[in-house]
Amino acid sequence: MQKCLKIENRKDIFVSSAKAQDILEKIENKTTFETNEILSKEFNQPIQVHEISKPQSDDSVRLEITLSRSEYESLKHAKDLLSHTCPGNTWKEVIVTLAKKFNQTKIAQSKNIKSKSGSALAVVTASPSDSKKSTQSFVNKQVSFQKARPYISVITKREVFTKAQNHCQYIDRQSGRKCTATFQLELDHIKPVALNGDSGVNNLRVLCRTHNQLLAKRAGLTK
């Protein structure tokens, strides 16, 4: 707040004590991110859109970019979805993980395209009996997997997460407060599969990993 007022003074812009008090009330009990968002709008701070890639002495590179609100929300959503893969929950982990996955996918696609010309002969020379055995083996594996863990369609998952607004739905027994965490979210069966619970929308909920493990422990499903 003081820094913003000093900048306004340098520009010969007067900020009344009433306006300063109003802004102070707006930023009270806000996070650093929320505070900076309010101050940038209240003092109409200039928008910086340039990108900076600054090499450092240890061969690392400091990267500074500007995102639109929709771009930021998309990246933030990816951060929540990758919370299992990126336990540190840092932007660096998320960006690097997304880049690696994209590169691996592209490299794999490139290899598949190159191998298609040579794979045609292998398909032709394979005997019918070998093909049947391979298909039957695949089917058996799929059936075995489905018995162990019921399949939940992408549509069902999306509906459950949308209903939960991408937040943990755990409610504390004593205080009655809802968790609302967005970190390391998991789908949980309200009635466990082990007790013949189905995988329909009404029997699914969204929990953060901590509360999912807590409820599983209470139900005696984990040690």
Protein backbone atom coordinates (compact mmCIF):
# COMPACT_ATOMS: atom_id res chain seq x y z
CA MET A 1 0.00 0.00 0.00
CA GLN A 2 2.82 2.39 0.92
CA LYS A 3 4.68 1.56 -2.28
CA CYS A 4 1.59 2.32 -4.35
CA LEU A 5 1.04 5.65 -2.58
CA LYS A 6 4.67 6.67 -3.21
CA ILE A 7 4.25 5.94 -6.93
CA GLU A 8 1.06 8.03 -7.00
CA ASN A 9 2.88 10.91 -5.27
CA ARG A 10 5.65 10.80 -7.89
CA LYS A 11 2.97 11.18 -10.57
CA ASP A 12 1.49 14.13 -8.61
CA ILE A 13 -1.73 12.19 -8.04
CA PHE A 14 -3.42 12.95 -4.72
CA VAL A 15 -5.03 10.05 -2.85
CA SER A 16 -7.45 11.16 -0.16
CA SER A 17 -7.31 9.63 3.31
CA ALA A 18 -10.90 8.41 2.81
CA LYS A 19 -9.91 6.48 -0.36
CA ALA A 20 -6.78 5.11 1.32
CA GLN A 21 -8.89 3.91 4.25
CA ASP A 22 -11.38 2.30 1.86
CA ILE A 23 -8.59 0.42 0.07
CA LEU A 24 -7.09 -0.70 3.39
CA GLU A 25 -10.44 -2.20 4.37
CA LYS A 26 -10.63 -4.03 1.02
CA ILE A 27 -7.23 -5.69 1.47
CA GLU A 28 -7.74 -6.60 5.12
CA ASN A 29 -7.35 -10.38 5.73
CA LYS A 30 -6.56 -10.95 2.04
CA THR A 31 -3.75 -13.13 0.70
CA THR A 32 -0.72 -11.55 -0.97
CA PHE A 33 -2.08 -12.49 -4.39
CA GLU A 34 -5.53 -11.04 -3.63
CA THR A 35 -3.97 -7.88 -2.16
CA ASN A 36 -1.83 -7.28 -5.25
CA GLU A 37 -4.88 -7.84 -7.46
CA ILE A 38 -6.92 -5.21 -5.57
CA LEU A 39 -4.06 -2.67 -5.48
CA SER A 40 -3.32 -3.06 -9.19
CA LYS A 41 -6.94 -2.18 -10.01
CA GLU A 42 -7.41 0.56 -7.41
CA PHE A 43 -4.26 2.40 -8.49
CA ASN A 44 -4.63 1.51 -12.18
CA GLN A 45 -1.12 0.10 -12.40
CA PRO A 46 0.30 -0.28 -15.94
CA ILE A 47 -0.02 -3.74 -17.52
CA GLN A 48 3.30 -5.40 -18.31
CA VAL A 49 3.13 -7.78 -21.26
CA HIS A 50 6.81 -8.31 -22.05
CA GLU A 51 8.54 -11.63 -21.45
CA ILE A 52 11.89 -11.92 -19.70
CA SER A 53 14.32 -14.85 -19.88
CA LYS A 54 17.27 -14.05 -17.66
CA PRO A 55 20.25 -16.46 -17.41
CA GLN A 56 21.76 -16.85 -13.95
CA SER A 57 25.20 -17.79 -12.61
CA ASP A 58 24.27 -21.44 -11.89
CA ASP A 59 23.07 -22.00 -15.51
CA SER A 60 19.43 -21.71 -14.42
CA VAL A 61 17.07 -19.33 -16.26
CA ARG A 62 14.63 -16.94 -14.60
CA LEU A 63 11.45 -16.71 -16.67
CA GLU A 64 8.87 -13.94 -16.29
CA ILE A 65 5.67 -13.93 -18.36
CA THR A 66 2.26 -12.25 -18.37
CA LEU A 67 -0.95 -14.29 -18.65
CA SER A 68 -4.52 -13.17 -19.25
CA ARG A 69 -7.05 -14.11 -16.58
CA SER A 70 -8.41 -17.02 -18.68
CA GLU A 71 -4.87 -18.27 -19.43
CA TYR A 72 -3.99 -18.10 -15.74
CA GLU A 73 -7.15 -19.98 -14.74
CA SER A 74 -6.37 -22.71 -17.31
CA LEU A 75 -2.85 -23.11 -15.94
CA LYS A 76 -4.14 -23.05 -12.36
CA HIS A 77 -6.66 -25.80 -13.23
CA ALA A 78 -3.81 -27.88 -14.68
CA LYS A 79 -1.88 -27.28 -11.46
CA ASP A 80 -4.76 -28.70 -9.40
CA LEU A 81 -5.12 -31.73 -11.69
CA LEU A 82 -1.36 -32.41 -11.50
CA SER A 83 -1.23 -32.16 -7.71
CA HIS A 84 -0.48 -35.91 -7.44
CA THR A 85 2.38 -35.67 -9.93
CA CYS A 86 3.67 -32.36 -8.53
CA PRO A 87 3.52 -32.72 -4.73
CA GLY A 88 5.50 -29.50 -4.25
CA ASN A 89 2.60 -27.61 -5.89
CA THR A 90 4.90 -25.06 -7.56
CA TRP A 91 4.44 -23.39 -10.93
CA LYS A 92 7.90 -24.59 -11.97
CA GLU A 93 6.91 -28.25 -11.43
CA VAL A 94 3.65 -27.81 -13.35
CA ILE A 95 5.21 -26.09 -16.38
CA VAL A 96 8.13 -28.54 -16.59
CA THR A 97 5.80 -31.57 -16.19
CA LEU A 98 3.45 -30.33 -18.92
CA ALA A 99 6.39 -29.64 -21.24
CA LYS A 100 7.88 -33.12 -20.65
CA LYS A 101 4.55 -34.87 -21.25
CA PHE A 102 3.98 -32.90 -24.45
CA ASN A 103 7.51 -33.66 -25.72
CA GLN A 104 7.14 -37.38 -24.90
CA THR A 105 3.81 -37.53 -26.75
CA LYS A 106 5.23 -35.84 -29.82
CA ILE A 107 8.33 -38.08 -29.84
CA ALA A 108 6.17 -41.21 -29.48
CA GLN A 109 3.91 -40.07 -32.34
CA SER A 110 6.95 -39.43 -34.51
CA LYS A 111 8.32 -42.93 -33.81
CA ASN A 112 4.95 -44.54 -34.59
CA ILE A 113 4.77 -42.78 -37.94
CA LYS A 114 8.29 -43.91 -38.85
CA SER A 115 7.60 -47.53 -37.86
CA LYS A 116 4.31 -47.87 -39.77
CA SER A 117 6.01 -48.65 -43.08
CA GLY A 118 7.94 -51.55 -41.53
CA SER A 119 5.10 -52.89 -39.41
CA ALA A 120 2.83 -53.80 -42.35
CA LEU A 121 4.85 -56.94 -43.14
CA ALA A 122 4.70 -58.10 -39.52
CA VAL A 123 0.91 -57.82 -39.53
CA VAL A 124 0.60 -59.81 -42.75
CA THR A 125 2.94 -62.61 -41.64
CA ALA A 126 1.29 -63.10 -38.21
CA SER A 127 -0.77 -66.31 -38.13
CA PRO A 128 -4.53 -66.23 -37.34
CA SER A 129 -3.98 -68.33 -34.21
CA ASP A 130 -1.40 -65.86 -32.87
CA SER A 131 -3.80 -63.00 -33.52
CA LYS A 132 -6.63 -64.77 -31.66
CA LYS A 133 -4.38 -65.53 -28.68
CA SER A 134 -3.22 -61.93 -28.50
CA THR A 135 -6.80 -60.62 -28.68
CA GLN A 136 -8.05 -63.08 -26.05
CA SER A 137 -5.16 -62.16 -23.74
CA PHE A 138 -6.03 -58.47 -24.06
CA VAL A 139 -9.72 -59.15 -23.35
CA ASN A 140 -8.85 -61.23 -20.27
CA LYS A 141 -6.68 -58.42 -18.91
CA GLN A 142 -9.45 -55.88 -19.48
CA VAL A 143 -12.04 -58.06 -17.72
CA SER A 144 -9.66 -58.67 -14.80
CA PHE A 145 -9.02 -54.93 -14.46
CA GLN A 146 -12.71 -54.05 -14.51
CA LYS A 147 -13.48 -56.59 -11.78
CA ALA A 148 -10.77 -55.13 -9.55
CA ARG A 149 -11.67 -51.47 -10.16
CA PRO A 150 -15.02 -50.41 -11.70
CA TYR A 151 -14.67 -48.19 -14.75
CA ILE A 152 -15.76 -44.56 -14.32
CA SER A 153 -16.39 -42.76 -17.59
CA VAL A 154 -14.89 -39.36 -18.38
CA ILE A 155 -18.40 -37.92 -18.60
CA THR A 156 -19.24 -39.16 -15.10
CA LYS A 157 -15.96 -37.81 -13.68
CA ARG A 158 -16.57 -34.43 -15.30
CA GLU A 159 -20.10 -34.29 -13.91
CA VAL A 160 -18.95 -35.12 -10.36
CA PHE A 161 -16.11 -32.56 -10.46
CA THR A 162 -18.41 -29.91 -11.94
CA LYS A 163 -20.98 -30.56 -9.22
CA ALA A 164 -18.23 -30.16 -6.60
CA GLN A 165 -16.89 -27.05 -8.38
CA ASN A 166 -13.44 -28.71 -8.34
CA HIS A 167 -13.25 -28.52 -4.53
CA CYS A 168 -12.97 -31.13 -1.78
CA GLN A 169 -16.45 -31.93 -0.42
CA TYR A 170 -15.36 -33.20 2.99
CA ILE A 171 -17.39 -31.75 5.89
CA ASP A 172 -15.93 -31.80 9.40
CA ARG A 173 -18.15 -33.66 11.89
CA GLN A 174 -17.68 -31.21 14.76
CA SER A 175 -17.48 -27.77 13.15
CA GLY A 176 -19.60 -28.56 10.09
CA ARG A 177 -17.07 -26.74 7.92
CA LYS A 178 -16.43 -27.80 4.33
CA CYS A 179 -12.82 -28.42 3.28
CA THR A 180 -13.02 -26.77 -0.22
CA ALA A 181 -9.37 -27.65 -0.99
CA THR A 182 -8.34 -27.79 -4.65
CA PHE A 183 -5.04 -29.63 -4.09
CA GLN A 184 -4.62 -33.37 -4.85
CA LEU A 185 -8.31 -34.04 -5.57
CA GLU A 186 -9.54 -37.64 -5.90
CA LEU A 187 -12.82 -39.37 -6.72
CA ASP A 188 -14.23 -41.32 -3.78
CA HIS A 189 -17.11 -43.80 -3.54
CA ILE A 190 -19.55 -42.74 -0.79
CA LYS A 191 -20.54 -46.38 -0.41
CA PRO A 192 -17.28 -48.32 -0.95
CA VAL A 193 -16.95 -50.71 -3.87
CA ALA A 194 -15.99 -53.41 -1.35
CA LEU A 195 -19.51 -53.03 0.08
CA ASN A 196 -21.12 -53.26 -3.38
CA GLY A 197 -21.18 -49.51 -3.93
CA ASP A 198 -21.74 -48.49 -7.57
CA SER A 199 -19.87 -45.94 -9.65
CA GLY A 200 -22.84 -43.72 -10.44
CA VAL A 201 -22.81 -39.94 -10.01
CA ASN A 202 -24.88 -40.14 -6.81
CA ASN A 203 -22.37 -42.47 -5.16
CA LEU A 204 -19.29 -40.41 -6.05
CA ARG A 205 -17.78 -37.35 -4.41
CA VAL A 206 -14.60 -35.29 -4.67
CA LEU A 207 -12.11 -35.41 -1.79
CA CYS A 208 -8.59 -34.16 -1.33
CA ARG A 209 -6.07 -36.95 -0.74
CA THR A 210 -5.81 -36.20 3.00
CA HIS A 211 -9.54 -36.49 3.67
CA ASN A 212 -9.94 -39.45 1.28
CA GLN A 213 -7.34 -41.38 3.29
CA LEU A 214 -8.93 -40.23 6.56
CA LEU A 215 -12.37 -41.55 5.60
CA ALA A 216 -10.89 -44.78 4.24
CA LYS A 217 -9.11 -45.28 7.56
CA ARG A 218 -12.32 -44.66 9.52
CA ALA A 219 -14.11 -47.21 7.35
CA GLY A 220 -11.35 -49.73 8.03
CA LEU A 221 -10.35 -49.93 4.36
CA THR A 222 -6.73 -48.96 5.08
CA LYS A 223 -4.31 -49.57 7.92
